[in-house]
C-alpha cells in the first residue's frame, strides 16, 4: 500500500510539473484546455469518492493525487485569470472531461469558485496531505455544483 501511495505521489508530482510548465507557455488555448481536462477528471473522481464516503479522504492515495491535480489547475487558472481565452478554454476542458458533473450551466460558478477558494493556494506534493484546508476547499468547490 505504501508503494502504491509513493507511486501515485510520483505521478502527481510529474503531473504538477508538466502542468506548471504548460502554464508558463503563455495563455495557449491547448494548455488551458489540457489543464481544464485534467482538473475536470480529477474533480469528477473526487466528487464520486466524496458522495460515497461523505468526506474528502486525503489518506487515500487516489484522492491525494486528484486533489493535487485540482490544486495545480487552480494555480494555473489564477495565473491566467485575466486572460479570457485561457479561461474559456479551461472551462471547456472542465465540461468535456467531468463526465457530466460540470456542465455549461454550472461551469462559470465552478470556475469562479476555483478562483475564490483560498484553501487551494500554496498546495504542493509535500504539504497536501497535511493541509486540512485542502479538503475543506475541495468541498467548497463541490458546493458550486449544486
Protein backbone atom coordinates (compact mmCIF):
# COMPACT_ATOMS: atom_id res chain seq x y z
CA UNK A 1 0.00 0.00 0.00
CA UNK A 2 2.85 2.40 0.80
CA UNK A 3 4.43 1.62 -2.56
CA UNK A 4 1.19 2.46 -4.33
CA UNK A 5 0.97 5.72 -2.41
CA UNK A 6 4.55 6.58 -3.28
CA UNK A 7 3.96 5.72 -6.93
CA UNK A 8 0.85 7.89 -7.06
CA UNK A 9 2.69 10.77 -5.41
CA UNK A 10 5.40 10.48 -8.07
CA UNK A 11 2.76 10.53 -10.81
CA UNK A 12 1.06 13.52 -9.18
CA UNK A 13 4.36 15.36 -8.92
CA UNK A 14 5.03 14.65 -12.58
CA UNK A 15 1.57 15.91 -13.48
CA UNK A 16 2.07 19.03 -11.39
CA UNK A 17 5.43 19.69 -13.00
CA UNK A 18 4.13 19.19 -16.52
CA UNK A 19 1.03 21.31 -15.90
CA UNK A 20 3.21 24.02 -14.40
CA UNK A 21 5.41 24.07 -17.46
CA UNK A 22 2.36 24.27 -19.70
CA UNK A 23 1.06 27.25 -17.73
CA UNK A 24 4.35 29.02 -18.26
CA UNK A 25 3.99 28.82 -22.02
CA UNK A 26 1.63 31.78 -22.06
CA UNK A 27 -2.09 31.70 -22.47
CA UNK A 28 -2.12 28.91 -25.01
CA UNK A 29 -5.61 27.53 -25.54
CA UNK A 30 -4.25 23.99 -25.73
CA UNK A 31 -2.51 24.38 -22.36
CA UNK A 32 -5.69 25.78 -20.85
CA UNK A 33 -7.80 23.00 -22.37
CA UNK A 34 -5.41 20.34 -21.05
CA UNK A 35 -5.36 21.89 -17.59
CA UNK A 36 -9.17 22.05 -17.57
CA UNK A 37 -9.47 18.44 -18.73
CA UNK A 38 -7.08 17.19 -16.05
CA UNK A 39 -8.95 19.19 -13.45
CA UNK A 40 -12.38 18.01 -14.66
CA UNK A 41 -11.40 14.34 -14.46
CA UNK A 42 -9.89 14.83 -11.00
CA UNK A 43 -12.94 16.73 -9.73
CA UNK A 44 -15.27 14.03 -11.04
CA UNK A 45 -13.28 11.29 -9.30
CA UNK A 46 -13.03 13.28 -6.06
CA UNK A 47 -16.74 14.02 -6.17
CA UNK A 48 -17.60 10.35 -6.65
CA UNK A 49 -15.47 9.45 -3.64
CA UNK A 50 -16.98 12.30 -1.63
CA UNK A 51 -20.53 11.20 -2.42
CA UNK A 52 -19.70 7.60 -1.48
CA UNK A 53 -17.94 8.37 1.81
CA UNK A 54 -19.25 11.80 2.81
CA UNK A 55 -15.76 13.25 3.11
CA UNK A 56 -12.65 14.10 1.14
CA UNK A 57 -10.26 11.45 2.42
CA UNK A 58 -6.71 12.66 1.78
CA UNK A 59 -5.26 9.49 3.27
CA UNK A 60 -6.45 7.73 0.10
CA UNK A 61 -3.64 7.90 -2.47
CA UNK A 62 -6.01 8.36 -5.42
CA UNK A 63 -7.82 11.22 -3.71
CA UNK A 64 -4.50 12.76 -2.77
CA UNK A 65 -3.32 12.64 -6.37
CA UNK A 66 -6.59 14.09 -7.65
CA UNK A 67 -6.52 16.88 -5.06
CA UNK A 68 -3.03 17.80 -6.19
CA UNK A 69 -4.21 17.93 -9.82
CA UNK A 70 -7.09 20.25 -8.84
CA UNK A 71 -4.75 22.48 -6.81
CA UNK A 72 -2.30 22.69 -9.72
CA UNK A 73 -5.08 23.52 -12.18
CA UNK A 74 -6.32 26.17 -9.76
CA UNK A 75 -2.84 27.71 -9.62
CA UNK A 76 -2.66 27.74 -13.43
CA UNK A 77 -6.12 29.29 -13.67
CA UNK A 78 -5.23 32.02 -11.18
CA UNK A 79 -2.04 32.79 -13.08
CA UNK A 80 -4.16 33.39 -16.20
CA UNK A 81 -7.33 34.76 -14.58
CA UNK A 82 -7.36 37.93 -16.69
CA UNK A 83 -6.96 36.06 -19.98
CA UNK A 84 -10.50 35.45 -21.30
CA UNK A 85 -9.29 32.96 -23.92
CA UNK A 86 -7.44 30.88 -21.32
CA UNK A 87 -10.46 30.89 -19.04
CA UNK A 88 -12.80 29.87 -21.87
CA UNK A 89 -10.54 27.01 -22.99
CA UNK A 90 -10.05 25.89 -19.37
CA UNK A 91 -13.81 25.89 -18.80
CA UNK A 92 -14.39 23.89 -21.99
CA UNK A 93 -11.83 21.35 -20.77
CA UNK A 94 -13.69 21.03 -17.47
CA UNK A 95 -17.01 20.44 -19.19
CA UNK A 96 -15.64 17.86 -21.65
CA UNK A 97 -13.84 15.74 -19.08
CA UNK A 98 -16.00 15.76 -15.95
CA UNK A 99 -18.48 13.10 -17.11
CA UNK A 100 -21.43 15.49 -16.89
CA UNK A 101 -20.67 16.76 -13.39
CA UNK A 102 -19.55 20.18 -14.63
CA UNK A 103 -21.97 21.46 -17.25
CA UNK A 104 -22.40 24.64 -19.25
CA UNK A 105 -24.97 25.68 -16.63
CA UNK A 106 -22.65 25.39 -13.60
CA UNK A 107 -19.18 25.77 -15.15
CA UNK A 108 -18.92 29.53 -14.67
CA UNK A 109 -19.88 29.25 -11.00
CA UNK A 110 -17.36 26.43 -10.56
CA UNK A 111 -14.51 28.37 -12.20
CA UNK A 112 -15.38 31.46 -10.16
CA UNK A 113 -15.31 29.31 -7.02
CA UNK A 114 -11.88 27.94 -8.01
CA UNK A 115 -10.58 31.50 -8.30
CA UNK A 116 -12.04 32.46 -4.91
CA UNK A 117 -11.17 29.37 -2.85
CA UNK A 118 -8.19 30.19 -0.65
CA UNK A 119 -7.60 26.65 0.62
CA UNK A 120 -6.01 25.57 -2.65
CA UNK A 121 -3.26 28.16 -2.63
CA UNK A 122 0.27 27.07 -1.84
CA UNK A 123 -0.66 23.39 -2.06
CA UNK A 124 2.08 21.12 -3.33
CA UNK A 125 3.09 17.47 -3.19
CA UNK A 126 4.90 17.96 0.11
CA UNK A 127 2.13 19.61 2.11
CA UNK A 128 -1.15 18.48 0.56
CA UNK A 129 -1.82 15.58 2.91
CA UNK A 130 -1.22 17.74 5.98
CA UNK A 131 -3.29 20.67 4.78
CA UNK A 132 -6.70 20.38 6.41
CA UNK A 133 -7.81 23.38 4.39
CA UNK A 134 -7.32 21.37 1.19
CA UNK A 135 -10.21 19.01 1.95
CA UNK A 136 -12.44 21.89 3.04
CA UNK A 137 -11.56 23.82 -0.11
CA UNK A 138 -12.49 20.86 -2.31
CA UNK A 139 -15.86 20.57 -0.56
CA UNK A 140 -16.36 24.30 -1.20
CA UNK A 141 -15.79 23.63 -4.91
CA UNK A 142 -18.37 20.84 -4.82
CA UNK A 143 -20.90 23.29 -3.36
CA UNK A 144 -20.70 25.28 -6.60
CA UNK A 145 -22.02 22.23 -8.43
CA UNK A 146 -25.30 22.08 -6.52
